[in-house]
């Protein structure tokens, strides 16, 4: 839960999020 609070946005606030999203992750 602490990781989610501090780090979760780093999973999708990235330049290539659209390409990553195509893999339905």
PDBML (XML) file of the C-alpha atoms, coordinates in Angstrom:
<?xml version="1.0" encoding="UTF-8" ?>
<PDBx:datablock datablockName="MODEL"
   xmlns:PDBx="http://pdbml.pdb.org/schema/pdbx-v50.xsd"
   xmlns:xsi="http://www.w3.org/2001/XMLSchema-instance"
   xsi:schemaLocation="http://pdbml.pdb.org/schema/pdbx-v50.xsd pdbx-v50.xsd">
   <PDBx:atom_siteCategory>
      <PDBx:atom_site id="1">
         <PDBx:B_iso_or_equiv>0.00</PDBx:B_iso_or_equiv>
         <PDBx:Cartn_x>0.000</PDBx:Cartn_x>
         <PDBx:Cartn_y>0.000</PDBx:Cartn_y>
         <PDBx:Cartn_z>0.000</PDBx:Cartn_z>
         <PDBx:auth_asym_id>A</PDBx:auth_asym_id>
         <PDBx:auth_atom_id>CA</PDBx:auth_atom_id>
         <PDBx:auth_comp_id>UNK</PDBx:auth_comp_id>
         <PDBx:auth_seq_id>1</PDBx:auth_seq_id>
         <PDBx:group_PDB>ATOM</PDBx:group_PDB>
         <PDBx:label_alt_id xsi:nil="true" />
         <PDBx:label_asym_id>A</PDBx:label_asym_id>
         <PDBx:label_atom_id>CA</PDBx:label_atom_id>
         <PDBx:label_comp_id>UNK</PDBx:label_comp_id>
         <PDBx:label_entity_id>1</PDBx:label_entity_id>
         <PDBx:label_seq_id>1</PDBx:label_seq_id>
         <PDBx:occupancy>1.00</PDBx:occupancy>
         <PDBx:pdbx_PDB_model_num>1</PDBx:pdbx_PDB_model_num>
         <PDBx:type_symbol>C</PDBx:type_symbol>
      </PDBx:atom_site>
      <PDBx:atom_site id="2">
         <PDBx:B_iso_or_equiv>0.00</PDBx:B_iso_or_equiv>
         <PDBx:Cartn_x>2.855</PDBx:Cartn_x>
         <PDBx:Cartn_y>2.398</PDBx:Cartn_y>
         <PDBx:Cartn_z>0.769</PDBx:Cartn_z>
         <PDBx:auth_asym_id>A</PDBx:auth_asym_id>
         <PDBx:auth_atom_id>CA</PDBx:auth_atom_id>
         <PDBx:auth_comp_id>UNK</PDBx:auth_comp_id>
         <PDBx:auth_seq_id>2</PDBx:auth_seq_id>
         <PDBx:group_PDB>ATOM</PDBx:group_PDB>
         <PDBx:label_alt_id xsi:nil="true" />
         <PDBx:label_asym_id>A</PDBx:label_asym_id>
         <PDBx:label_atom_id>CA</PDBx:label_atom_id>
         <PDBx:label_comp_id>UNK</PDBx:label_comp_id>
         <PDBx:label_entity_id>1</PDBx:label_entity_id>
         <PDBx:label_seq_id>2</PDBx:label_seq_id>
         <PDBx:occupancy>1.00</PDBx:occupancy>
         <PDBx:pdbx_PDB_model_num>1</PDBx:pdbx_PDB_model_num>
         <PDBx:type_symbol>C</PDBx:type_symbol>
      </PDBx:atom_site>
      <PDBx:atom_site id="3">
         <PDBx:B_iso_or_equiv>0.00</PDBx:B_iso_or_equiv>
         <PDBx:Cartn_x>4.361</PDBx:Cartn_x>
         <PDBx:Cartn_y>1.621</PDBx:Cartn_y>
         <PDBx:Cartn_z>-2.642</PDBx:Cartn_z>
         <PDBx:auth_asym_id>A</PDBx:auth_asym_id>
         <PDBx:auth_atom_id>CA</PDBx:auth_atom_id>
         <PDBx:auth_comp_id>UNK</PDBx:auth_comp_id>
         <PDBx:auth_seq_id>3</PDBx:auth_seq_id>
         <PDBx:group_PDB>ATOM</PDBx:group_PDB>
         <PDBx:label_alt_id xsi:nil="true" />
         <PDBx:label_asym_id>A</PDBx:label_asym_id>
         <PDBx:label_atom_id>CA</PDBx:label_atom_id>
         <PDBx:label_comp_id>UNK</PDBx:label_comp_id>
         <PDBx:label_entity_id>1</PDBx:label_entity_id>
         <PDBx:label_seq_id>3</PDBx:label_seq_id>
         <PDBx:occupancy>1.00</PDBx:occupancy>
         <PDBx:pdbx_PDB_model_num>1</PDBx:pdbx_PDB_model_num>
         <PDBx:type_symbol>C</PDBx:type_symbol>
      </PDBx:atom_site>
      <PDBx:atom_site id="4">
         <PDBx:B_iso_or_equiv>0.00</PDBx:B_iso_or_equiv>
         <PDBx:Cartn_x>1.028</PDBx:Cartn_x>
         <PDBx:Cartn_y>2.297</PDBx:Cartn_y>
         <PDBx:Cartn_z>-4.332</PDBx:Cartn_z>
         <PDBx:auth_asym_id>A</PDBx:auth_asym_id>
         <PDBx:auth_atom_id>CA</PDBx:auth_atom_id>
         <PDBx:auth_comp_id>UNK</PDBx:auth_comp_id>
         <PDBx:auth_seq_id>4</PDBx:auth_seq_id>
         <PDBx:group_PDB>ATOM</PDBx:group_PDB>
         <PDBx:label_alt_id xsi:nil="true" />
         <PDBx:label_asym_id>A</PDBx:label_asym_id>
         <PDBx:label_atom_id>CA</PDBx:label_atom_id>
         <PDBx:label_comp_id>UNK</PDBx:label_comp_id>
         <PDBx:label_entity_id>1</PDBx:label_entity_id>
         <PDBx:label_seq_id>4</PDBx:label_seq_id>
         <PDBx:occupancy>1.00</PDBx:occupancy>
         <PDBx:pdbx_PDB_model_num>1</PDBx:pdbx_PDB_model_num>
         <PDBx:type_symbol>C</PDBx:type_symbol>
      </PDBx:atom_site>
      <PDBx:atom_site id="5">
         <PDBx:B_iso_or_equiv>0.00</PDBx:B_iso_or_equiv>
         <PDBx:Cartn_x>0.791</PDBx:Cartn_x>
         <PDBx:Cartn_y>5.667</PDBx:Cartn_y>
         <PDBx:Cartn_z>-2.565</PDBx:Cartn_z>
         <PDBx:auth_asym_id>A</PDBx:auth_asym_id>
         <PDBx:auth_atom_id>CA</PDBx:auth_atom_id>
         <PDBx:auth_comp_id>UNK</PDBx:auth_comp_id>
         <PDBx:auth_seq_id>5</PDBx:auth_seq_id>
         <PDBx:group_PDB>ATOM</PDBx:group_PDB>
         <PDBx:label_alt_id xsi:nil="true" />
         <PDBx:label_asym_id>A</PDBx:label_asym_id>
         <PDBx:label_atom_id>CA</PDBx:label_atom_id>
         <PDBx:label_comp_id>UNK</PDBx:label_comp_id>
         <PDBx:label_entity_id>1</PDBx:label_entity_id>
         <PDBx:label_seq_id>5</PDBx:label_seq_id>
         <PDBx:occupancy>1.00</PDBx:occupancy>
         <PDBx:pdbx_PDB_model_num>1</PDBx:pdbx_PDB_model_num>
         <PDBx:type_symbol>C</PDBx:type_symbol>
      </PDBx:atom_site>
      <PDBx:atom_site id="6">
         <PDBx:B_iso_or_equiv>0.00</PDBx:B_iso_or_equiv>
         <PDBx:Cartn_x>4.262</PDBx:Cartn_x>
         <PDBx:Cartn_y>6.816</PDBx:Cartn_y>
         <PDBx:Cartn_z>-3.542</PDBx:Cartn_z>
         <PDBx:auth_asym_id>A</PDBx:auth_asym_id>
         <PDBx:auth_atom_id>CA</PDBx:auth_atom_id>
         <PDBx:auth_comp_id>UNK</PDBx:auth_comp_id>
         <PDBx:auth_seq_id>6</PDBx:auth_seq_id>
         <PDBx:group_PDB>ATOM</PDBx:group_PDB>
         <PDBx:label_alt_id xsi:nil="true" />
         <PDBx:label_asym_id>A</PDBx:label_asym_id>
         <PDBx:label_atom_id>CA</PDBx:label_atom_id>
         <PDBx:label_comp_id>UNK</PDBx:label_comp_id>
         <PDBx:label_entity_id>1</PDBx:label_entity_id>
         <PDBx:label_seq_id>6</PDBx:label_seq_id>
         <PDBx:occupancy>1.00</PDBx:occupancy>
         <PDBx:pdbx_PDB_model_num>1</PDBx:pdbx_PDB_model_num>
         <PDBx:type_symbol>C</PDBx:type_symbol>
      </PDBx:atom_site>
      <PDBx:atom_site id="7">
         <PDBx:B_iso_or_equiv>0.00</PDBx:B_iso_or_equiv>
         <PDBx:Cartn_x>5.102</PDBx:Cartn_x>
         <PDBx:Cartn_y>4.926</PDBx:Cartn_y>
         <PDBx:Cartn_z>-6.734</PDBx:Cartn_z>
         <PDBx:auth_asym_id>A</PDBx:auth_asym_id>
         <PDBx:auth_atom_id>CA</PDBx:auth_atom_id>
         <PDBx:auth_comp_id>UNK</PDBx:auth_comp_id>
         <PDBx:auth_seq_id>7</PDBx:auth_seq_id>
         <PDBx:group_PDB>ATOM</PDBx:group_PDB>
         <PDBx:label_alt_id xsi:nil="true" />
         <PDBx:label_asym_id>A</PDBx:label_asym_id>
         <PDBx:label_atom_id>CA</PDBx:label_atom_id>
         <PDBx:label_comp_id>UNK</PDBx:label_comp_id>
         <PDBx:label_entity_id>1</PDBx:label_entity_id>
         <PDBx:label_seq_id>7</PDBx:label_seq_id>
         <PDBx:occupancy>1.00</PDBx:occupancy>
         <PDBx:pdbx_PDB_model_num>1</PDBx:pdbx_PDB_model_num>
         <PDBx:type_symbol>C</PDBx:type_symbol>
      </PDBx:atom_site>
      <PDBx:atom_site id="8">
         <PDBx:B_iso_or_equiv>0.00</PDBx:B_iso_or_equiv>
         <PDBx:Cartn_x>1.988</PDBx:Cartn_x>
         <PDBx:Cartn_y>3.771</PDBx:Cartn_y>
         <PDBx:Cartn_z>-8.619</PDBx:Cartn_z>
         <PDBx:auth_asym_id>A</PDBx:auth_asym_id>
         <PDBx:auth_atom_id>CA</PDBx:auth_atom_id>
         <PDBx:auth_comp_id>UNK</PDBx:auth_comp_id>
         <PDBx:auth_seq_id>8</PDBx:auth_seq_id>
         <PDBx:group_PDB>ATOM</PDBx:group_PDB>
         <PDBx:label_alt_id xsi:nil="true" />
         <PDBx:label_asym_id>A</PDBx:label_asym_id>
         <PDBx:label_atom_id>CA</PDBx:label_atom_id>
         <PDBx:label_comp_id>UNK</PDBx:label_comp_id>
         <PDBx:label_entity_id>1</PDBx:label_entity_id>
         <PDBx:label_seq_id>8</PDBx:label_seq_id>
         <PDBx:occupancy>1.00</PDBx:occupancy>
         <PDBx:pdbx_PDB_model_num>1</PDBx:pdbx_PDB_model_num>
         <PDBx:type_symbol>C</PDBx:type_symbol>
      </PDBx:atom_site>
      <PDBx:atom_site id="9">
         <PDBx:B_iso_or_equiv>0.00</PDBx:B_iso_or_equiv>
         <PDBx:Cartn_x>1.742</PDBx:Cartn_x>
         <PDBx:Cartn_y>6.792</PDBx:Cartn_y>
         <PDBx:Cartn_z>-10.935</PDBx:Cartn_z>
         <PDBx:auth_asym_id>A</PDBx:auth_asym_id>
         <PDBx:auth_atom_id>CA</PDBx:auth_atom_id>
         <PDBx:auth_comp_id>UNK</PDBx:auth_comp_id>
         <PDBx:auth_seq_id>9</PDBx:auth_seq_id>
         <PDBx:group_PDB>ATOM</PDBx:group_PDB>
         <PDBx:label_alt_id xsi:nil="true" />
         <PDBx:label_asym_id>A</PDBx:label_asym_id>
         <PDBx:label_atom_id>CA</PDBx:label_atom_id>
         <PDBx:label_comp_id>UNK</PDBx:label_comp_id>
         <PDBx:label_entity_id>1</PDBx:label_entity_id>
         <PDBx:label_seq_id>9</PDBx:label_seq_id>
         <PDBx:occupancy>1.00</PDBx:occupancy>
         <PDBx:pdbx_PDB_model_num>1</PDBx:pdbx_PDB_model_num>
         <PDBx:type_symbol>C</PDBx:type_symbol>
      </PDBx:atom_site>
      <PDBx:atom_site id="10">
         <PDBx:B_iso_or_equiv>0.00</PDBx:B_iso_or_equiv>
         <PDBx:Cartn_x>5.231</PDBx:Cartn_x>
         <PDBx:Cartn_y>5.986</PDBx:Cartn_y>
         <PDBx:Cartn_z>-12.229</PDBx:Cartn_z>
         <PDBx:auth_asym_id>A</PDBx:auth_asym_id>
         <PDBx:auth_atom_id>CA</PDBx:auth_atom_id>
         <PDBx:auth_comp_id>UNK</PDBx:auth_comp_id>
         <PDBx:auth_seq_id>10</PDBx:auth_seq_id>
         <PDBx:group_PDB>ATOM</PDBx:group_PDB>
         <PDBx:label_alt_id xsi:nil="true" />
         <PDBx:label_asym_id>A</PDBx:label_asym_id>
         <PDBx:label_atom_id>CA</PDBx:label_atom_id>
         <PDBx:label_comp_id>UNK</PDBx:label_comp_id>
         <PDBx:label_entity_id>1</PDBx:label_entity_id>
         <PDBx:label_seq_id>10</PDBx:label_seq_id>
         <PDBx:occupancy>1.00</PDBx:occupancy>
         <PDBx:pdbx_PDB_model_num>1</PDBx:pdbx_PDB_model_num>
         <PDBx:type_symbol>C</PDBx:type_symbol>
      </PDBx:atom_site>
      <PDBx:atom_site id="11">
         <PDBx:B_iso_or_equiv>0.00</PDBx:B_iso_or_equiv>
         <PDBx:Cartn_x>3.754</PDBx:Cartn_x>
         <PDBx:Cartn_y>2.932</PDBx:Cartn_y>
         <PDBx:Cartn_z>-13.885</PDBx:Cartn_z>
         <PDBx:auth_asym_id>A</PDBx:auth_asym_id>
         <PDBx:auth_atom_id>CA</PDBx:auth_atom_id>
         <PDBx:auth_comp_id>UNK</PDBx:auth_comp_id>
         <PDBx:auth_seq_id>11</PDBx:auth_seq_id>
         <PDBx:group_PDB>ATOM</PDBx:group_PDB>
         <PDBx:label_alt_id xsi:nil="true" />
         <PDBx:label_asym_id>A</PDBx:label_asym_id>
         <PDBx:label_atom_id>CA</PDBx:label_atom_id>
         <PDBx:label_comp_id>UNK</PDBx:label_comp_id>
         <PDBx:label_entity_id>1</PDBx:label_entity_id>
         <PDBx:label_seq_id>11</PDBx:label_seq_id>
         <PDBx:occupancy>1.00</PDBx:occupancy>
         <PDBx:pdbx_PDB_model_num>1</PDBx:pdbx_PDB_model_num>
         <PDBx:type_symbol>C</PDBx:type_symbol>
      </PDBx:atom_site>
      <PDBx:atom_site id="12">
         <PDBx:B_iso_or_equiv>0.00</PDBx:B_iso_or_equiv>
         <PDBx:Cartn_x>1.568</PDBx:Cartn_x>
         <PDBx:Cartn_y>4.922</PDBx:Cartn_y>
         <PDBx:Cartn_z>-16.302</PDBx:Cartn_z>
         <PDBx:auth_asym_id>A</PDBx:auth_asym_id>
         <PDBx:auth_atom_id>CA</PDBx:auth_atom_id>
         <PDBx:auth_comp_id>UNK</PDBx:auth_comp_id>
         <PDBx:auth_seq_id>12</PDBx:auth_seq_id>
         <PDBx:group_PDB>ATOM</PDBx:group_PDB>
         <PDBx:label_alt_id xsi:nil="true" />
         <PDBx:label_asym_id>A</PDBx:label_asym_id>
         <PDBx:label_atom_id>CA</PDBx:label_atom_id>
         <PDBx:label_comp_id>UNK</PDBx:label_comp_id>
         <PDBx:label_entity_id>1</PDBx:label_entity_id>
         <PDBx:label_seq_id>12</PDBx:label_seq_id>
         <PDBx:occupancy>1.00</PDBx:occupancy>
         <PDBx:pdbx_PDB_model_num>1</PDBx:pdbx_PDB_model_num>
         <PDBx:type_symbol>C</PDBx:type_symbol>
      </PDBx:atom_site>
      <PDBx:atom_site id="13">
         <PDBx:B_iso_or_equiv>0.00</PDBx:B_iso_or_equiv>
         <PDBx:Cartn_x>2.830</PDBx:Cartn_x>
         <PDBx:Cartn_y>8.521</PDBx:Cartn_y>
         <PDBx:Cartn_z>-16.246</PDBx:Cartn_z>
         <PDBx:auth_asym_id>A</PDBx:auth_asym_id>
         <PDBx:auth_atom_id>CA</PDBx:auth_atom_id>
         <PDBx:auth_comp_id>UNK</PDBx:auth_comp_id>
         <PDBx:auth_seq_id>13</PDBx:auth_seq_id>
         <PDBx:group_PDB>ATOM</PDBx:group_PDB>
         <PDBx:label_alt_id xsi:nil="true" />
         <PDBx:label_asym_id>A</PDBx:label_asym_id>
         <PDBx:label_atom_id>CA</PDBx:label_atom_id>
         <PDBx:label_comp_id>UNK</PDBx:label_comp_id>
         <PDBx:label_entity_id>1</PDBx:label_entity_id>
         <PDBx:label_seq_id>13</PDBx:label_seq_id>
         <PDBx:occupancy>1.00</PDBx:occupancy>
         <PDBx:pdbx_PDB_model_num>1</PDBx:pdbx_PDB_model_num>
         <PDBx:type_symbol>C</PDBx:type_symbol>
      </PDBx:atom_site>
      <PDBx:atom_site id="14">
         <PDBx:B_iso_or_equiv>0.00</PDBx:B_iso_or_equiv>
         <PDBx:Cartn_x>5.450</PDBx:Cartn_x>
         <PDBx:Cartn_y>7.650</PDBx:Cartn_y>
         <PDBx:Cartn_z>-18.833</PDBx:Cartn_z>
         <PDBx:auth_asym_id>A</PDBx:auth_asym_id>
         <PDBx:auth_atom_id>CA</PDBx:auth_atom_id>
         <PDBx:auth_comp_id>UNK</PDBx:auth_comp_id>
         <PDBx:auth_seq_id>14</PDBx:auth_seq_id>
         <PDBx:group_PDB>ATOM</PDBx:group_PDB>
         <PDBx:label_alt_id xsi:nil="true" />
         <PDBx:label_asym_id>A</PDBx:label_asym_id>
         <PDBx:label_atom_id>CA</PDBx:label_atom_id>
         <PDBx:label_comp_id>UNK</PDBx:label_comp_id>
         <PDBx:label_entity_id>1</PDBx:label_entity_id>
         <PDBx:label_seq_id>14</PDBx:label_seq_id>
         <PDBx:occupancy>1.00</PDBx:occupancy>
         <PDBx:pdbx_PDB_model_num>1</PDBx:pdbx_PDB_model_num>
         <PDBx:type_symbol>C</PDBx:type_symbol>
      </PDBx:atom_site>
      <PDBx:atom_site id="15">
         <PDBx:B_iso_or_equiv>0.00</PDBx:B_iso_or_equiv>
         <PDBx:Cartn_x>6.094</PDBx:Cartn_x>
         <PDBx:Cartn_y>8.787</PDBx:Cartn_y>
         <PDBx:Cartn_z>-22.407</PDBx:Cartn_z>
         <PDBx:auth_asym_id>A</PDBx:auth_asym_id>
         <PDBx:auth_atom_id>CA</PDBx:auth_atom_id>
         <PDBx:auth_comp_id>UNK</PDBx:auth_comp_id>
         <PDBx:auth_seq_id>15</PDBx:auth_seq_id>
         <PDBx:group_PDB>ATOM</PDBx:group_PDB>
         <PDBx:label_alt_id xsi:nil="true" />
         <PDBx:label_asym_id>A</PDBx:label_asym_id>
         <PDBx:label_atom_id>CA</PDBx:label_atom_id>
         <PDBx:label_comp_id>UNK</PDBx:label_comp_id>
         <PDBx:label_entity_id>1</PDBx:label_entity_id>
         <PDBx:label_seq_id>15</PDBx:label_seq_id>
         <PDBx:occupancy>1.00</PDBx:occupancy>
         <PDBx:pdbx_PDB_model_num>1</PDBx:pdbx_PDB_model_num>
         <PDBx:type_symbol>C</PDBx:type_symbol>
      </PDBx:atom_site>
      <PDBx:atom_site id="16">
         <PDBx:B_iso_or_equiv>0.00</PDBx:B_iso_or_equiv>
         <PDBx:Cartn_x>5.218</PDBx:Cartn_x>
         <PDBx:Cartn_y>5.453</PDBx:Cartn_y>
         <PDBx:Cartn_z>-24.028</PDBx:Cartn_z>
         <PDBx:auth_asym_id>A</PDBx:auth_asym_id>
         <PDBx:auth_atom_id>CA</PDBx:auth_atom_id>
         <PDBx:auth_comp_id>UNK</PDBx:auth_comp_id>
         <PDBx:auth_seq_id>16</PDBx:auth_seq_id>
         <PDBx:group_PDB>ATOM</PDBx:group_PDB>
         <PDBx:label_alt_id xsi:nil="true" />
         <PDBx:label_asym_id>A</PDBx:label_asym_id>
         <PDBx:label_atom_id>CA</PDBx:label_atom_id>
         <PDBx:label_comp_id>UNK</PDBx:label_comp_id>
         <PDBx:label_entity_id>1</PDBx:label_entity_id>
         <PDBx:label_seq_id>16</PDBx:label_seq_id>
         <PDBx:occupancy>1.00</PDBx:occupancy>
         <PDBx:pdbx_PDB_model_num>1</PDBx:pdbx_PDB_model_num>
         <PDBx:type_symbol>C</PDBx:type_symbol>
      </PDBx:atom_site>
      <PDBx:atom_site id="17">
         <PDBx:B_iso_or_equiv>0.00</PDBx:B_iso_or_equiv>
         <PDBx:Cartn_x>2.052</PDBx:Cartn_x>
         <PDBx:Cartn_y>4.798</PDBx:Cartn_y>
         <PDBx:Cartn_z>-22.012</PDBx:Cartn_z>
         <PDBx:auth_asym_id>A</PDBx:auth_asym_id>
         <PDBx:auth_atom_id>CA</PDBx:auth_atom_id>
         <PDBx:auth_comp_id>UNK</PDBx:auth_comp_id>
         <PDBx:auth_seq_id>17</PDBx:auth_seq_id>
         <PDBx:group_PDB>ATOM</PDBx:group_PDB>
         <PDBx:label_alt_id xsi:nil="true" />
         <PDBx:label_asym_id>A</PDBx:label_asym_id>
         <PDBx:label_atom_id>CA</PDBx:label_atom_id>
         <PDBx:label_comp_id>UNK</PDBx:label_comp_id>
         <PDBx:label_entity_id>1</PDBx:label_entity_id>
         <PDBx:label_seq_id>17</PDBx:label_seq_id>
         <PDBx:occupancy>1.00</PDBx:occupancy>
         <PDBx:pdbx_PDB_model_num>1</PDBx:pdbx_PDB_model_num>
         <PDBx:type_symbol>C</PDBx:type_symbol>
      </PDBx:atom_site>
      <PDBx:atom_site id="18">
         <PDBx:B_iso_or_equiv>0.00</PDBx:B_iso_or_equiv>
         <PDBx:Cartn_x>-0.051</PDBx:Cartn_x>
         <PDBx:Cartn_y>4.405</PDBx:Cartn_y>
         <PDBx:Cartn_z>-25.172</PDBx:Cartn_z>
         <PDBx:auth_asym_id>A</PDBx:auth_asym_id>
         <PDBx:auth_atom_id>CA</PDBx:auth_atom_id>
         <PDBx:auth_comp_id>UNK</PDBx:auth_comp_id>
         <PDBx:auth_seq_id>18</PDBx:auth_seq_id>
         <PDBx:group_PDB>ATOM</PDBx:group_PDB>
         <PDBx:label_alt_id xsi:nil="true" />
         <PDBx:label_asym_id>A</PDBx:label_asym_id>
         <PDBx:label_atom_id>CA</PDBx:label_atom_id>
         <PDBx:label_comp_id>UNK</PDBx:label_comp_id>
         <PDBx:label_entity_id>1</PDBx:label_entity_id>
         <PDBx:label_seq_id>18</PDBx:label_seq_id>
         <PDBx:occupancy>1.00</PDBx:occupancy>
         <PDBx:pdbx_PDB_model_num>1</PDBx:pdbx_PDB_model_num>
         <PDBx:type_symbol>C</PDBx:type_symbol>
      </PDBx:atom_site>
      <PDBx:atom_site id="19">
         <PDBx:B_iso_or_equiv>0.00</PDBx:B_iso_or_equiv>
         <PDBx:Cartn_x>2.168</PDBx:Cartn_x>
         <PDBx:Cartn_y>1.615</PDBx:Cartn_y>
         <PDBx:Cartn_z>-26.475</PDBx:Cartn_z>
         <PDBx:auth_asym_id>A</PDBx:auth_asym_id>
         <PDBx:auth_atom_id>CA</PDBx:auth_atom_id>
         <PDBx:auth_comp_id>UNK</PDBx:auth_comp_id>
         <PDBx:auth_seq_id>19</PDBx:auth_seq_id>
         <PDBx:group_PDB>ATOM</PDBx:group_PDB>
         <PDBx:label_alt_id xsi:nil="true" />
         <PDBx:label_asym_id>A</PDBx:label_asym_id>
         <PDBx:label_atom_id>CA</PDBx:label_atom_id>
         <PDBx:label_comp_id>UNK</PDBx:label_comp_id>
         <PDBx:label_entity_id>1</PDBx:label_entity_id>
         <PDBx:label_seq_id>19</PDBx:label_seq_id>
         <PDBx:occupancy>1.00</PDBx:occupancy>
         <PDBx:pdbx_PDB_model_num>1</PDBx:pdbx_PDB_model_num>
         <PDBx:type_symbol>C</PDBx:type_symbol>
      </PDBx:atom_site>
      <PDBx:atom_site id="20">
         <PDBx:B_iso_or_equiv>0.00</PDBx:B_iso_or_equiv>
         <PDBx:Cartn_x>2.249</PDBx:Cartn_x>
         <PDBx:Cartn_y>-0.039</PDBx:Cartn_y>
         <PDBx:Cartn_z>-23.052</PDBx:Cartn_z>
         <PDBx:auth_asym_id>A</PDBx:auth_asym_id>
         <PDBx:auth_atom_id>CA</PDBx:auth_atom_id>
         <PDBx:auth_comp_id>UNK</PDBx:auth_comp_id>
         <PDBx:auth_seq_id>20</PDBx:auth_seq_id>
         <PDBx:group_PDB>ATOM</PDBx:group_PDB>
         <PDBx:label_alt_id xsi:nil="true" />
         <PDBx:label_asym_id>A</PDBx:label_asym_id>
         <PDBx:label_atom_id>CA</PDBx:label_atom_id>
         <PDBx:label_comp_id>UNK</PDBx:label_comp_id>
         <PDBx:label_entity_id>1</PDBx:label_entity_id>
         <PDBx:label_seq_id>20</PDBx:label_seq_id>
         <PDBx:occupancy>1.00</PDBx:occupancy>
         <PDBx:pdbx_PDB_model_num>1</PDBx:pdbx_PDB_model_num>
         <PDBx:type_symbol>C</PDBx:type_symbol>
      </PDBx:atom_site>
      <PDBx:atom_site id="21">
         <PDBx:B_iso_or_equiv>0.00</PDBx:B_iso_or_equiv>
         <PDBx:Cartn_x>-1.519</PDBx:Cartn_x>
         <PDBx:Cartn_y>0.202</PDBx:Cartn_y>
         <PDBx:Cartn_z>-22.791</PDBx:Cartn_z>
         <PDBx:auth_asym_id>A</PDBx:auth_asym_id>
         <PDBx:auth_atom_id>CA</PDBx:auth_atom_id>
         <PDBx:auth_comp_id>UNK</PDBx:auth_comp_id>
         <PDBx:auth_seq_id>21</PDBx:auth_seq_id>
         <PDBx:group_PDB>ATOM</PDBx:group_PDB>
         <PDBx:label_alt_id xsi:nil="true" />
         <PDBx:label_asym_id>A</PDBx:label_asym_id>
         <PDBx:label_atom_id>CA</PDBx:label_atom_id>
         <PDBx:label_comp_id>UNK</PDBx:label_comp_id>
         <PDBx:label_entity_id>1</PDBx:label_entity_id>
         <PDBx:label_seq_id>21</PDBx:label_seq_id>
         <PDBx:occupancy>1.00</PDBx:occupancy>
         <PDBx:pdbx_PDB_model_num>1</PDBx:pdbx_PDB_model_num>
         <PDBx:type_symbol>C</PDBx:type_symbol>
      </PDBx:atom_site>
      <PDBx:atom_site id="22">
         <PDBx:B_iso_or_equiv>0.00</PDBx:B_iso_or_equiv>
         <PDBx:Cartn_x>-1.933</PDBx:Cartn_x>
         <PDBx:Cartn_y>-1.758</PDBx:Cartn_y>
         <PDBx:Cartn_z>-26.046</PDBx:Cartn_z>
         <PDBx:auth_asym_id>A</PDBx:auth_asym_id>
         <PDBx:auth_atom_id>CA</PDBx:auth_atom_id>
         <PDBx:auth_comp_id>UNK</PDBx:auth_comp_id>
         <PDBx:auth_seq_id>22</PDBx:auth_seq_id>
         <PDBx:group_PDB>ATOM</PDBx:group_PDB>
         <PDBx:label_alt_id xsi:nil="true" />
         <PDBx:label_asym_id>A</PDBx:label_asym_id>
         <PDBx:label_atom_id>CA</PDBx:label_atom_id>
         <PDBx:label_comp_id>UNK</PDBx:label_comp_id>
         <PDBx:label_entity_id>1</PDBx:label_entity_id>
         <PDBx:label_seq_id>22</PDBx:label_seq_id>
         <PDBx:occupancy>1.00</PDBx:occupancy>
         <PDBx:pdbx_PDB_model_num>1</PDBx:pdbx_PDB_model_num>
         <PDBx:type_symbol>C</PDBx:type_symbol>
      </PDBx:atom_site>
      <PDBx:atom_site id="23">
         <PDBx:B_iso_or_equiv>0.00</PDBx:B_iso_or_equiv>
         <PDBx:Cartn_x>-0.635</PDBx:Cartn_x>
         <PDBx:Cartn_y>-4.796</PDBx:Cartn_y>
         <PDBx:Cartn_z>-24.155</PDBx:Cartn_z>
         <PDBx:auth_asym_id>A</PDBx:auth_asym_id>
         <PDBx:auth_atom_id>CA</PDBx:auth_atom_id>
         <PDBx:auth_comp_id>UNK</PDBx:auth_comp_id>
         <PDBx:auth_seq_id>23</PDBx:auth_seq_id>
         <PDBx:group_PDB>ATOM</PDBx:group_PDB>
         <PDBx:label_alt_id xsi:nil="true" />
         <PDBx:label_asym_id>A</PDBx:label_asym_id>
         <PDBx:label_atom_id>CA</PDBx:label_atom_id>
         <PDBx:label_comp_id>UNK</PDBx:label_comp_id>
         <PDBx:label_entity_id>1</PDBx:label_entity_id>
         <PDBx:label_seq_id>23</PDBx:label_seq_id>
         <PDBx:occupancy>1.00</PDBx:occupancy>
         <PDBx:pdbx_PDB_model_num>1</PDBx:pdbx_PDB_model_num>
         <PDBx:type_symbol>C</PDBx:type_symbol>
      </PDBx:atom_site>
      <PDBx:atom_site id="24">
         <PDBx:B_iso_or_equiv>0.00</PDBx:B_iso_or_equiv>
         <PDBx:Cartn_x>-3.521</PDBx:Cartn_x>
         <PDBx:Cartn_y>-4.348</PDBx:Cartn_y>
         <PDBx:Cartn_z>-21.679</PDBx:Cartn_z>
         <PDBx:auth_asym_id>A</PDBx:auth_asym_id>
         <PDBx:auth_atom_id>CA</PDBx:auth_atom_id>
         <PDBx:auth_comp_id>UNK</PDBx:auth_comp_id>
         <PDBx:auth_seq_id>24</PDBx:auth_seq_id>
         <PDBx:group_PDB>ATOM</PDBx:group_PDB>
         <PDBx:label_alt_id xsi:nil="true" />
         <PDBx:label_asym_id>A</PDBx:label_asym_id>
         <PDBx:label_atom_id>CA</PDBx:label_atom_id>
         <PDBx:label_comp_id>UNK</PDBx:label_comp_id>
         <PDBx:label_entity_id>1</PDBx:label_entity_id>
         <PDBx:label_seq_id>24</PDBx:label_seq_id>
         <PDBx:occupancy>1.00</PDBx:occupancy>
         <PDBx:pdbx_PDB_model_num>1</PDBx:pdbx_PDB_model_num>
         <PDBx:type_symbol>C</PDBx:type_symbol>
      </PDBx:atom_site>
      <PDBx:atom_site id="25">
         <PDBx:B_iso_or_equiv>0.00</PDBx:B_iso_or_equiv>
         <PDBx:Cartn_x>-1.216</PDBx:Cartn_x>
         <PDBx:Cartn_y>-4.320</PDBx:Cartn_y>
         <PDBx:Cartn_z>-18.670</PDBx:Cartn_z>
         <PDBx:auth_asym_id>A</PDBx:auth_asym_id>
         <PDBx:auth_atom_id>CA</PDBx:auth_atom_id>
         <PDBx:auth_comp_id>UNK</PDBx:auth_comp_id>
         <PDBx:auth_seq_id>25</PDBx:auth_seq_id>
         <PDBx:group_PDB>ATOM</PDBx:group_PDB>
         <PDBx:label_alt_id xsi:nil="true" />
         <PDBx:label_asym_id>A</PDBx:label_asym_id>
         <PDBx:label_atom_id>CA</PDBx:label_atom_id>
         <PDBx:label_comp_id>UNK</PDBx:label_comp_id>
         <PDBx:label_entity_id>1</PDBx:label_entity_id>
         <PDBx:label_seq_id>25</PDBx:label_seq_id>
         <PDBx:occupancy>1.00</PDBx:occupancy>
         <PDBx:pdbx_PDB_model_num>1</PDBx:pdbx_PDB_model_num>
         <PDBx:type_symbol>C</PDBx:type_symbol>
      </PDBx:atom_site>
   </PDBx:atom_siteCategory>
</PDBx:datablock>
